[in-house]
C-alpha atoms as a PDB file:
ATOM      1  CA  UNK A   1       9.280 -10.402   2.751  1.00  0.00           C
ATOM      2  CA  UNK A   2       9.168  -9.490  -0.758  1.00  0.00           C
ATOM      3  CA  UNK A   3       6.737  -6.967  -2.275  1.00  0.00           C
ATOM      4  CA  UNK A   4       4.149  -7.962  -5.011  1.00  0.00           C
ATOM      5  CA  UNK A   5       3.051  -5.343  -7.288  1.00  0.00           C
ATOM      6  CA  UNK A   6      -0.389  -4.620  -9.027  1.00  0.00           C
ATOM      7  CA  UNK A   7      -1.022  -2.620 -11.785  1.00  0.00           C
ATOM      8  CA  UNK A   8      -4.486  -1.935 -13.571  1.00  0.00           C
ATOM      9  CA  UNK A   9      -5.209  -1.114 -16.634  1.00  0.00           C
ATOM     10  CA  UNK A  10      -8.689  -0.247 -18.846  1.00  0.00           C
ATOM     11  CA  UNK A  11      -9.758   0.556 -22.677  1.00  0.00           C
ATOM     12  CA  UNK A  12     -13.225   1.288 -23.758  1.00  0.00           C
ATOM     13  CA  UNK A  13     -14.761  -0.379 -26.590  1.00  0.00           C
ATOM     14  CA  UNK A  14     -17.854  -1.613 -27.889  1.00  0.00           C
ATOM     15  CA  UNK A  15     -19.788  -0.293 -24.814  1.00  0.00           C
ATOM     16  CA  UNK A  16     -17.756  -2.616 -22.387  1.00  0.00           C
ATOM     17  CA  UNK A  17     -14.333  -1.735 -20.155  1.00  0.00           C
ATOM     18  CA  UNK A  18     -11.952  -4.370 -21.221  1.00  0.00           C
ATOM     19  CA  UNK A  19      -9.723  -4.425 -17.643  1.00  0.00           C
ATOM     20  CA  UNK A  20      -6.204  -6.107 -17.177  1.00  0.00           C
ATOM     21  CA  UNK A  21      -4.484  -6.493 -14.112  1.00  0.00           C
ATOM     22  CA  UNK A  22      -0.850  -7.038 -14.209  1.00  0.00           C
ATOM     23  CA  UNK A  23       0.917  -8.911 -10.807  1.00  0.00           C
ATOM     24  CA  UNK A  24       4.395  -9.317 -10.279  1.00  0.00           C
ATOM     25  CA  UNK A  25       5.274 -12.694  -8.565  1.00  0.00           C
ATOM     26  CA  UNK A  26       9.315 -11.953  -7.944  1.00  0.00           C
ATOM     27  CA  UNK A  27      10.255 -12.062 -11.497  1.00  0.00           C
ATOM     28  CA  UNK A  28       6.535 -13.588 -13.062  1.00  0.00           C
ATOM     29  CA  UNK A  29       4.066 -12.093 -14.170  1.00  0.00           C
ATOM     30  CA  UNK A  30      -0.108 -12.878 -13.825  1.00  0.00           C
ATOM     31  CA  UNK A  31      -2.132 -11.360 -15.670  1.00  0.00           C
ATOM     32  CA  UNK A  32      -6.086 -10.682 -15.767  1.00  0.00           C
ATOM     33  CA  UNK A  33      -7.543  -9.757 -18.680  1.00  0.00           C
ATOM     34  CA  UNK A  34     -11.825  -9.132 -18.185  1.00  0.00           C
ATOM     35  CA  UNK A  35     -14.587  -6.747 -18.803  1.00  0.00           C
ATOM     36  CA  UNK A  36     -16.325  -4.666 -16.919  1.00  0.00           C
ATOM     37  CA  UNK A  37     -19.284  -6.469 -17.352  1.00  0.00           C
ATOM     38  CA  UNK A  38     -19.043 -10.143 -17.515  1.00  0.00           C
ATOM     39  CA  UNK A  39     -15.987 -11.380 -16.210  1.00  0.00           C
ATOM     40  CA  UNK A  40     -15.204 -15.046 -16.042  1.00  0.00           C
ATOM     41  CA  UNK A  41     -12.786 -17.836 -17.157  1.00  0.00           C
ATOM     42  CA  UNK A  42     -12.864 -18.298 -20.528  1.00  0.00           C
ATOM     43  CA  UNK A  43      -9.194 -19.455 -20.673  1.00  0.00           C
ATOM     44  CA  UNK A  44      -5.999 -19.622 -19.179  1.00  0.00           C
ATOM     45  CA  UNK A  45      -2.714 -19.442 -20.562  1.00  0.00           C
ATOM     46  CA  UNK A  46       0.469 -20.050 -19.218  1.00  0.00           C
ATOM     47  CA  UNK A  47       3.985 -18.934 -21.445  1.00  0.00           C
ATOM     48  CA  UNK A  48       7.765 -19.635 -20.337  1.00  0.00           C
ATOM     49  CA  UNK A  49      10.345 -17.373 -21.957  1.00  0.00           C
ATOM     50  CA  UNK A  50      12.995 -19.441 -23.596  1.00  0.00           C
ATOM     51  CA  UNK A  51      15.692 -18.856 -26.286  1.00  0.00           C
ATOM     52  CA  UNK A  52      14.418 -18.829 -29.782  1.00  0.00           C
ATOM     53  CA  UNK A  53      14.800 -22.145 -31.518  1.00  0.00           C
ATOM     54  CA  UNK A  54      16.170 -20.421 -33.993  1.00  0.00           C
ATOM     55  CA  UNK A  55      19.015 -19.320 -32.430  1.00  0.00           C
ATOM     56  CA  UNK A  56      18.310 -15.539 -32.505  1.00  0.00           C
ATOM     57  CA  UNK A  57      16.256 -13.849 -29.783  1.00  0.00           C
ATOM     58  CA  UNK A  58      13.879 -15.471 -27.124  1.00  0.00           C
ATOM     59  CA  UNK A  59      10.146 -17.292 -28.320  1.00  0.00           C
ATOM     60  CA  UNK A  60       7.775 -18.935 -25.621  1.00  0.00           C
ATOM     61  CA  UNK A  61       6.640 -22.346 -24.879  1.00  0.00           C
ATOM     62  CA  UNK A  62       3.416 -22.141 -24.186  1.00  0.00           C
ATOM     63  CA  UNK A  63       0.393 -24.041 -22.523  1.00  0.00           C
ATOM     64  CA  UNK A  64      -3.790 -22.965 -22.984  1.00  0.00           C
ATOM     65  CA  UNK A  65      -6.263 -24.192 -20.500  1.00  0.00           C
ATOM     66  CA  UNK A  66      -9.259 -23.320 -22.268  1.00  0.00           C
ATOM     67  CA  UNK A  67     -12.814 -23.521 -21.124  1.00  0.00           C
ATOM     68  CA  UNK A  68     -15.868 -25.205 -23.940  1.00  0.00           C
ATOM     69  CA  UNK A  69     -16.766 -22.815 -26.374  1.00  0.00           C
ATOM     70  CA  UNK A  70     -15.402 -20.038 -25.146  1.00  0.00           C
ATOM     71  CA  UNK A  71     -12.848 -18.033 -27.543  1.00  0.00           C
ATOM     72  CA  UNK A  72     -11.054 -16.266 -24.812  1.00  0.00           C
ATOM     73  CA  UNK A  73      -7.345 -18.210 -25.896  1.00  0.00           C
ATOM     74  CA  UNK A  74      -6.930 -15.586 -28.566  1.00  0.00           C
ATOM     75  CA  UNK A  75      -6.752 -12.615 -25.909  1.00  0.00           C
ATOM     76  CA  UNK A  76      -4.974 -14.425 -23.231  1.00  0.00           C
ATOM     77  CA  UNK A  77      -2.254 -16.242 -25.693  1.00  0.00           C
ATOM     78  CA  UNK A  78      -1.533 -13.183 -27.246  1.00  0.00           C
ATOM     79  CA  UNK A  79      -0.527 -11.427 -23.687  1.00  0.00           C
ATOM     80  CA  UNK A  80       0.737 -14.373 -22.043  1.00  0.00           C
ATOM     81  CA  UNK A  81       3.381 -14.802 -24.936  1.00  0.00           C
ATOM     82  CA  UNK A  82       4.157 -11.405 -25.714  1.00  0.00           C
ATOM     83  CA  UNK A  83       4.800 -10.352 -21.470  1.00  0.00           C
ATOM     84  CA  UNK A  84       6.807 -13.648 -21.247  1.00  0.00           C
ATOM     85  CA  UNK A  85       8.878 -12.415 -24.373  1.00  0.00           C
ATOM     86  CA  UNK A  86       9.159  -9.121 -23.017  1.00  0.00           C
ATOM     87  CA  UNK A  87       9.749 -10.003 -19.389  1.00  0.00           C
ATOM     88  CA  UNK A  88      12.052 -13.084 -20.240  1.00  0.00           C
ATOM     89  CA  UNK A  89       9.784 -14.480 -17.331  1.00  0.00           C
ATOM     90  CA  UNK A  90       6.744 -16.579 -16.707  1.00  0.00           C
ATOM     91  CA  UNK A  91       3.636 -15.502 -17.261  1.00  0.00           C
ATOM     92  CA  UNK A  92       0.127 -17.045 -16.662  1.00  0.00           C
ATOM     93  CA  UNK A  93      -2.978 -15.126 -18.365  1.00  0.00           C
ATOM     94  CA  UNK A  94      -6.720 -15.383 -17.351  1.00  0.00           C
ATOM     95  CA  UNK A  95      -9.272 -14.165 -19.806  1.00  0.00           C
ATOM     96  CA  UNK A  96     -12.750 -13.447 -19.896  1.00  0.00           C
ATOM     97  CA  UNK A  97     -14.081 -11.307 -22.013  1.00  0.00           C
ATOM     98  CA  UNK A  98     -18.024 -11.729 -23.035  1.00  0.00           C
ATOM     99  CA  UNK A  99     -20.638  -9.494 -25.517  1.00  0.00           C
ATOM    100  CA  UNK A 100     -23.401 -10.724 -25.825  1.00  0.00           C
ATOM    101  CA  UNK A 101     -24.286 -11.779 -30.012  1.00  0.00           C
ATOM    102  CA  UNK A 102     -21.091  -9.779 -30.765  1.00  0.00           C
ATOM    103  CA  UNK A 103     -20.953  -9.302 -34.201  1.00  0.00           C
ATOM    104  CA  UNK A 104     -17.711  -9.871 -36.953  1.00  0.00           C
ATOM    105  CA  UNK A 105     -16.977  -6.157 -36.649  1.00  0.00           C
ATOM    106  CA  UNK A 106     -17.346  -6.129 -32.901  1.00  0.00           C
ATOM    107  CA  UNK A 107     -14.679  -9.155 -32.823  1.00  0.00           C
ATOM    108  CA  UNK A 108     -12.179  -6.590 -34.718  1.00  0.00           C
ATOM    109  CA  UNK A 109     -12.941  -3.885 -32.559  1.00  0.00           C
ATOM    110  CA  UNK A 110     -12.382  -5.961 -29.310  1.00  0.00           C
ATOM    111  CA  UNK A 111      -9.199  -7.099 -30.631  1.00  0.00           C
ATOM    112  CA  UNK A 112      -7.961  -4.192 -31.780  1.00  0.00           C
ATOM    113  CA  UNK A 113      -8.571  -2.633 -28.156  1.00  0.00           C
ATOM    114  CA  UNK A 114      -6.478  -5.419 -26.627  1.00  0.00           C
ATOM    115  CA  UNK A 115      -3.486  -4.946 -28.358  1.00  0.00           C
ATOM    116  CA  UNK A 116      -3.821  -1.386 -27.336  1.00  0.00           C
ATOM    117  CA  UNK A 117      -4.325  -2.891 -23.914  1.00  0.00           C
ATOM    118  CA  UNK A 118      -1.421  -5.027 -23.990  1.00  0.00           C
ATOM    119  CA  UNK A 119       0.752  -1.721 -25.409  1.00  0.00           C
ATOM    120  CA  UNK A 120       0.312   0.023 -21.770  1.00  0.00           C
ATOM    121  CA  UNK A 121       1.069  -3.231 -20.195  1.00  0.00           C
ATOM    122  CA  UNK A 122       3.812  -3.898 -21.948  1.00  0.00           C
ATOM    123  CA  UNK A 123       5.238  -0.680 -21.580  1.00  0.00           C
ATOM    124  CA  UNK A 124       5.356  -1.062 -17.865  1.00  0.00           C
ATOM    125  CA  UNK A 125       7.410  -4.256 -17.914  1.00  0.00           C
ATOM    126  CA  UNK A 126      10.766  -4.002 -17.075  1.00  0.00           C
ATOM    127  CA  UNK A 127      13.187  -6.147 -19.889  1.00  0.00           C
ATOM    128  CA  UNK A 128      16.155  -7.582 -18.043  1.00  0.00           C
ATOM    129  CA  UNK A 129      18.723  -6.066 -19.085  1.00  0.00           C
ATOM    130  CA  UNK A 130      21.463  -7.953 -21.642  1.00  0.00           C
ATOM    131  CA  UNK A 131      24.210 -10.416 -20.243  1.00  0.00           C
ATOM    132  CA  UNK A 132      26.853  -7.626 -21.417  1.00  0.00           C
ATOM    133  CA  UNK A 133      25.252  -4.865 -19.293  1.00  0.00           C
ATOM    134  CA  UNK A 134      26.807  -3.564 -16.550  1.00  0.00           C
ATOM    135  CA  UNK A 135      24.233  -5.400 -14.292  1.00  0.00           C
ATOM    136  CA  UNK A 136      24.795  -8.614 -15.404  1.00  0.00           C
ATOM    137  CA  UNK A 137      21.138  -9.339 -15.680  1.00  0.00           C
ATOM    138  CA  UNK A 138      19.134  -7.929 -13.701  1.00  0.00           C
ATOM    139  CA  UNK A 139      16.513  -6.026 -14.179  1.00  0.00           C
ATOM    140  CA  UNK A 140      16.112  -2.472 -14.966  1.00  0.00           C
END
């Protein structure tokens, strides 16, 4: 039986805690981004890593399923695409963050905190080794 790894991250902002759970499923990942007060499903994003169409580096093909009236796609897409590129894998991110009567300044602060949270997540994702490495594309 394959071991499924699970890690959790958090970042405080605007009176809430932003939380991210990362579940490794083989070489793929599932991310759940939410707050500690009003978690919900606002958006689900699926990103698949692929060679860039420019011929340089890695990019993604991304599909977005957004609930009507929700803006969680901005966060979910950022997390899914960044993680897919780093892991060179398929990533699903489901996101639901809510702050009542949020202001423009609070939106900016939440997005900044999400970037910090994403940095923590990306630090723990093991990038595949390059094809010319000793491990022939294995994971570090």
